[in-house]
Structure formats: structure tokens, C-alpha cells
N, C-alpha and C. Protein backbone atom coordinates (compact mmCIF):
# COMPACT_ATOMS: atom_id res chain seq x y z
N UNK A 1 19.13 -10.07 -4.02
CA UNK A 1 18.83 -8.65 -4.34
C UNK A 1 17.68 -8.66 -5.34
N UNK A 2 16.50 -8.17 -5.07
CA UNK A 2 15.43 -8.22 -6.09
C UNK A 2 14.80 -6.94 -5.80
N UNK A 3 13.87 -6.45 -7.03
CA UNK A 3 13.01 -5.42 -6.96
C UNK A 3 11.85 -5.71 -6.11
N UNK A 4 11.26 -4.81 -5.61
CA UNK A 4 9.99 -4.86 -4.72
C UNK A 4 9.01 -4.07 -5.32
N UNK A 5 7.92 -4.56 -5.91
CA UNK A 5 6.62 -3.91 -6.48
C UNK A 5 5.83 -3.64 -5.25
N UNK A 6 5.88 -2.30 -4.66
CA UNK A 6 5.15 -2.17 -3.49
C UNK A 6 3.74 -1.45 -3.92
N UNK A 7 2.71 -1.85 -3.02
CA UNK A 7 1.44 -1.21 -3.33
C UNK A 7 0.69 -0.94 -1.94
N UNK A 8 0.06 0.19 -2.06
CA UNK A 8 -0.65 0.82 -0.91
C UNK A 8 -2.12 0.65 -1.13
N UNK A 9 -3.15 -0.14 -0.55
CA UNK A 9 -4.38 -0.57 -0.67
C UNK A 9 -5.15 0.94 -0.37
N UNK A 10 -6.07 1.17 -1.29
CA UNK A 10 -7.01 2.33 -0.99
C UNK A 10 -6.67 3.57 -1.44
N UNK A 11 -5.39 3.75 -1.95
CA UNK A 11 -4.75 4.97 -2.37
C UNK A 11 -3.96 5.02 -3.55
N UNK A 12 -4.07 6.18 -4.45
CA UNK A 12 -3.05 6.38 -5.37
C UNK A 12 -1.86 7.16 -4.64
N UNK A 13 -0.81 7.10 -5.04
CA UNK A 13 0.22 8.07 -4.28
C UNK A 13 1.18 8.53 -5.39
N UNK A 14 1.78 9.71 -5.00
CA UNK A 14 2.88 10.38 -5.94
C UNK A 14 4.15 9.77 -5.41
N UNK A 15 5.12 9.64 -6.37
CA UNK A 15 6.53 9.36 -5.99
C UNK A 15 7.03 10.85 -6.04
N UNK A 16 7.85 11.22 -4.93
CA UNK A 16 8.57 12.38 -4.95
C UNK A 16 9.82 12.15 -5.60
N UNK A 17 10.07 12.70 -6.74
CA UNK A 17 11.24 12.51 -7.35
C UNK A 17 11.76 13.65 -8.06
N UNK A 18 11.50 14.86 -7.53
CA UNK A 18 12.11 16.00 -8.10
C UNK A 18 11.50 16.69 -9.25
N UNK A 19 10.19 15.86 -9.69
CA UNK A 19 9.43 16.25 -10.75
C UNK A 19 8.42 17.32 -10.53
N UNK A 20 8.26 17.83 -9.33
CA UNK A 20 7.30 18.74 -8.73
C UNK A 20 5.88 18.47 -9.23
N UNK A 21 5.06 19.10 -9.87
CA UNK A 21 3.53 18.91 -10.13
C UNK A 21 3.50 17.66 -11.07
N UNK A 22 4.60 17.31 -11.73
CA UNK A 22 4.73 16.38 -12.83
C UNK A 22 5.05 14.99 -12.15
N UNK A 23 5.14 14.86 -10.95
CA UNK A 23 5.54 13.70 -10.19
C UNK A 23 4.45 12.59 -10.53
N UNK A 24 4.90 11.36 -10.96
CA UNK A 24 3.92 10.20 -11.42
C UNK A 24 2.83 9.80 -10.33
N UNK A 25 1.72 9.67 -10.62
CA UNK A 25 0.48 9.06 -9.79
C UNK A 25 0.49 7.68 -10.04
N UNK A 26 0.71 6.85 -9.08
CA UNK A 26 0.69 5.33 -9.12
C UNK A 26 0.10 4.61 -8.07
N UNK A 27 -0.16 3.31 -8.36
CA UNK A 27 -0.82 2.41 -7.35
C UNK A 27 0.34 1.49 -6.91
N UNK A 28 1.15 1.27 -7.86
CA UNK A 28 2.45 0.28 -7.26
C UNK A 28 3.80 1.03 -7.73
N UNK A 29 4.67 0.90 -7.02
CA UNK A 29 6.02 1.56 -7.07
C UNK A 29 7.11 0.38 -7.07
N UNK A 30 7.80 0.24 -8.12
CA UNK A 30 8.92 -0.74 -8.18
C UNK A 30 10.18 -0.10 -7.55
N UNK A 31 10.45 -0.59 -6.42
CA UNK A 31 11.74 -0.32 -5.69
C UNK A 31 12.85 -1.19 -5.88
N UNK A 32 13.87 -0.50 -6.42
CA UNK A 32 14.98 -1.41 -6.77
C UNK A 32 15.78 -1.80 -5.55
N UNK A 33 16.78 -2.57 -5.72
CA UNK A 33 17.53 -3.10 -4.56
C UNK A 33 18.37 -1.90 -4.09
N UNK A 34 18.40 -1.68 -2.61
CA UNK A 34 19.22 -0.81 -1.97
C UNK A 34 18.62 0.71 -2.34
N UNK A 35 17.40 0.86 -2.83
CA UNK A 35 17.04 2.10 -3.20
C UNK A 35 16.05 2.73 -2.20
N UNK A 36 15.85 4.04 -1.96
CA UNK A 36 15.09 4.62 -1.10
C UNK A 36 14.18 5.38 -1.95
N UNK A 37 12.91 5.34 -1.68
CA UNK A 37 11.83 6.34 -2.50
C UNK A 37 10.85 7.04 -1.38
N UNK A 38 10.38 8.02 -1.69
CA UNK A 38 9.57 8.79 -0.91
C UNK A 38 8.32 9.00 -1.64
N UNK A 39 7.19 8.63 -0.89
CA UNK A 39 5.90 8.70 -1.46
C UNK A 39 4.91 9.54 -0.54
N UNK A 40 3.83 10.21 -1.28
CA UNK A 40 2.84 11.00 -0.69
C UNK A 40 1.64 10.62 -1.15
N UNK A 41 0.57 10.61 -0.12
CA UNK A 41 -0.79 10.24 -0.59
C UNK A 41 -1.76 11.16 0.21
N UNK A 42 -2.99 11.49 -0.18
CA UNK A 42 -3.98 12.12 0.27
C UNK A 42 -4.72 11.28 1.28
N UNK A 43 -4.58 11.54 2.52
CA UNK A 43 -5.24 10.84 3.52
C UNK A 43 -6.71 11.44 3.57
N UNK A 44 -7.55 11.04 2.73
CA UNK A 44 -9.02 11.73 2.62
C UNK A 44 -9.99 11.02 3.49
N UNK A 45 -9.77 9.89 4.18
CA UNK A 45 -10.89 9.11 4.86
C UNK A 45 -10.72 9.75 6.39
N UNK A 46 -11.67 9.75 7.13
CA UNK A 46 -11.75 9.99 8.49
C UNK A 46 -10.87 9.22 9.29
N UNK A 47 -10.90 7.91 8.99
CA UNK A 47 -10.05 6.89 9.69
C UNK A 47 -9.81 5.62 8.91
N UNK A 48 -8.89 4.76 9.38
CA UNK A 48 -8.83 3.56 8.70
C UNK A 48 -7.52 2.92 8.68
N UNK A 49 -7.49 1.73 8.28
CA UNK A 49 -6.02 1.04 8.29
C UNK A 49 -6.02 0.70 6.78
N UNK A 50 -4.79 0.54 6.40
CA UNK A 50 -4.34 0.44 4.87
C UNK A 50 -3.19 -0.33 4.81
N UNK A 51 -3.19 -1.18 3.95
CA UNK A 51 -2.26 -2.44 4.03
C UNK A 51 -1.15 -1.84 2.82
N UNK A 52 0.21 -1.92 3.20
CA UNK A 52 1.23 -1.43 2.19
C UNK A 52 2.06 -2.61 2.07
N UNK A 53 2.26 -3.35 0.89
CA UNK A 53 3.08 -4.51 0.89
C UNK A 53 3.56 -4.67 -0.51
N UNK A 54 4.47 -5.81 -0.41
CA UNK A 54 5.36 -6.09 -1.68
C UNK A 54 4.37 -7.18 -2.58
N UNK A 55 4.30 -6.84 -3.83
CA UNK A 55 3.34 -7.76 -4.65
C UNK A 55 3.97 -8.89 -5.02
N UNK A 56 5.18 -9.23 -4.60
CA UNK A 56 5.72 -10.71 -4.98
C UNK A 56 5.18 -11.47 -3.64
N UNK A 57 4.45 -12.49 -3.90
CA UNK A 57 3.66 -13.15 -2.80
C UNK A 57 4.62 -13.61 -1.68
N UNK A 58 5.76 -14.22 -2.18
CA UNK A 58 6.50 -15.09 -1.11
C UNK A 58 7.22 -13.64 -0.20
N UNK A 59 7.40 -12.67 -0.81
CA UNK A 59 7.93 -11.61 0.01
C UNK A 59 6.87 -11.05 1.20
N UNK A 60 5.70 -10.92 0.63
CA UNK A 60 4.53 -10.45 1.42
C UNK A 60 4.46 -11.46 2.50
N UNK A 61 4.34 -12.90 2.16
CA UNK A 61 4.12 -13.89 3.07
C UNK A 61 5.22 -14.07 4.20
N UNK A 62 6.38 -13.52 3.67
CA UNK A 62 7.45 -13.72 4.88
C UNK A 62 7.54 -12.18 5.61
N UNK A 63 6.61 -11.37 5.34
CA UNK A 63 6.62 -10.23 6.33
C UNK A 63 6.84 -8.85 5.69
N UNK A 64 6.83 -8.77 4.33
CA UNK A 64 7.31 -7.60 3.73
C UNK A 64 5.85 -6.76 3.51
N UNK A 65 5.36 -6.38 4.73
CA UNK A 65 3.94 -5.54 4.37
C UNK A 65 3.75 -5.06 5.90
N UNK A 66 3.09 -3.72 5.81
CA UNK A 66 2.79 -3.02 6.94
C UNK A 66 1.40 -2.34 7.03
N UNK A 67 0.83 -2.11 8.04
CA UNK A 67 -0.56 -1.51 8.20
C UNK A 67 -0.07 -0.07 8.38
N UNK A 68 -0.78 0.88 7.51
CA UNK A 68 -0.82 2.34 7.79
C UNK A 68 -2.14 2.57 8.46
N UNK A 69 -2.20 3.29 9.51
CA UNK A 69 -3.03 3.73 10.15
C UNK A 69 -3.31 5.12 10.29
N UNK A 70 -4.47 5.77 10.09
CA UNK A 70 -4.50 7.22 10.53
C UNK A 70 -4.78 7.42 11.71
N UNK A 71 -4.30 8.78 12.19
CA UNK A 71 -4.24 9.01 13.45
C UNK A 71 -5.67 8.93 14.14
N UNK A 72 -5.85 8.61 15.43
CA UNK A 72 -7.32 8.68 16.03
C UNK A 72 -8.05 7.54 15.31
N UNK A 73 -7.48 6.49 14.77
CA UNK A 73 -8.40 5.54 14.32
C UNK A 73 -8.88 4.63 15.32
N UNK A 74 -10.32 4.33 15.47
CA UNK A 74 -10.81 3.67 16.55
C UNK A 74 -10.17 2.10 16.32
N UNK A 75 -10.31 1.45 17.37
CA UNK A 75 -9.74 0.01 17.38
C UNK A 75 -10.62 -0.88 16.52
N UNK A 76 -10.06 -1.67 15.60
CA UNK A 76 -10.65 -2.47 14.58
C UNK A 76 -11.06 -3.85 15.42
N UNK A 77 -12.43 -4.09 15.75
CA UNK A 77 -12.59 -5.39 16.33
C UNK A 77 -12.36 -6.57 15.57
């Protein structure tokens, strides 16, 4: 049971934590064991793929990462 410093490339994001407009703007969110967090970010690009991953290298290398894609993103050759 470890914490996971999660990072979304290309975006700052807000953690939705009940603080309204004072919700913190982050590039890395430390997620604690058995915790659920909700983030929001402004999808300002027309299209693209963005990597969301744990900053602990062996977690990332063992699969703790996902690609976020905007809707209607053309295939990446």
C-alpha cells in the first residue's frame, strides 16, 4: 500500500475537493492508498493524446499509466 504521485502531461488540473473556486491547481496529485480523487482540466487543444501516469518509475513501468485522448483525435501514425 503506497501513495501514487499521478501526473497528466500537457495540462494543469484542479482537484475537485469541495473548495469550489479555491480548488488547487496542480500538475501532480498525490493519491493515497484506497483513496478516490476527481480532477478536471481544460481540454484546450483541438486533438491529441496525453499520458497520465504514476511518477514512481517502477509503478509506471508495470502499467500504471493511461493515454487520455480527445474525442475525434486522428490516428497517431
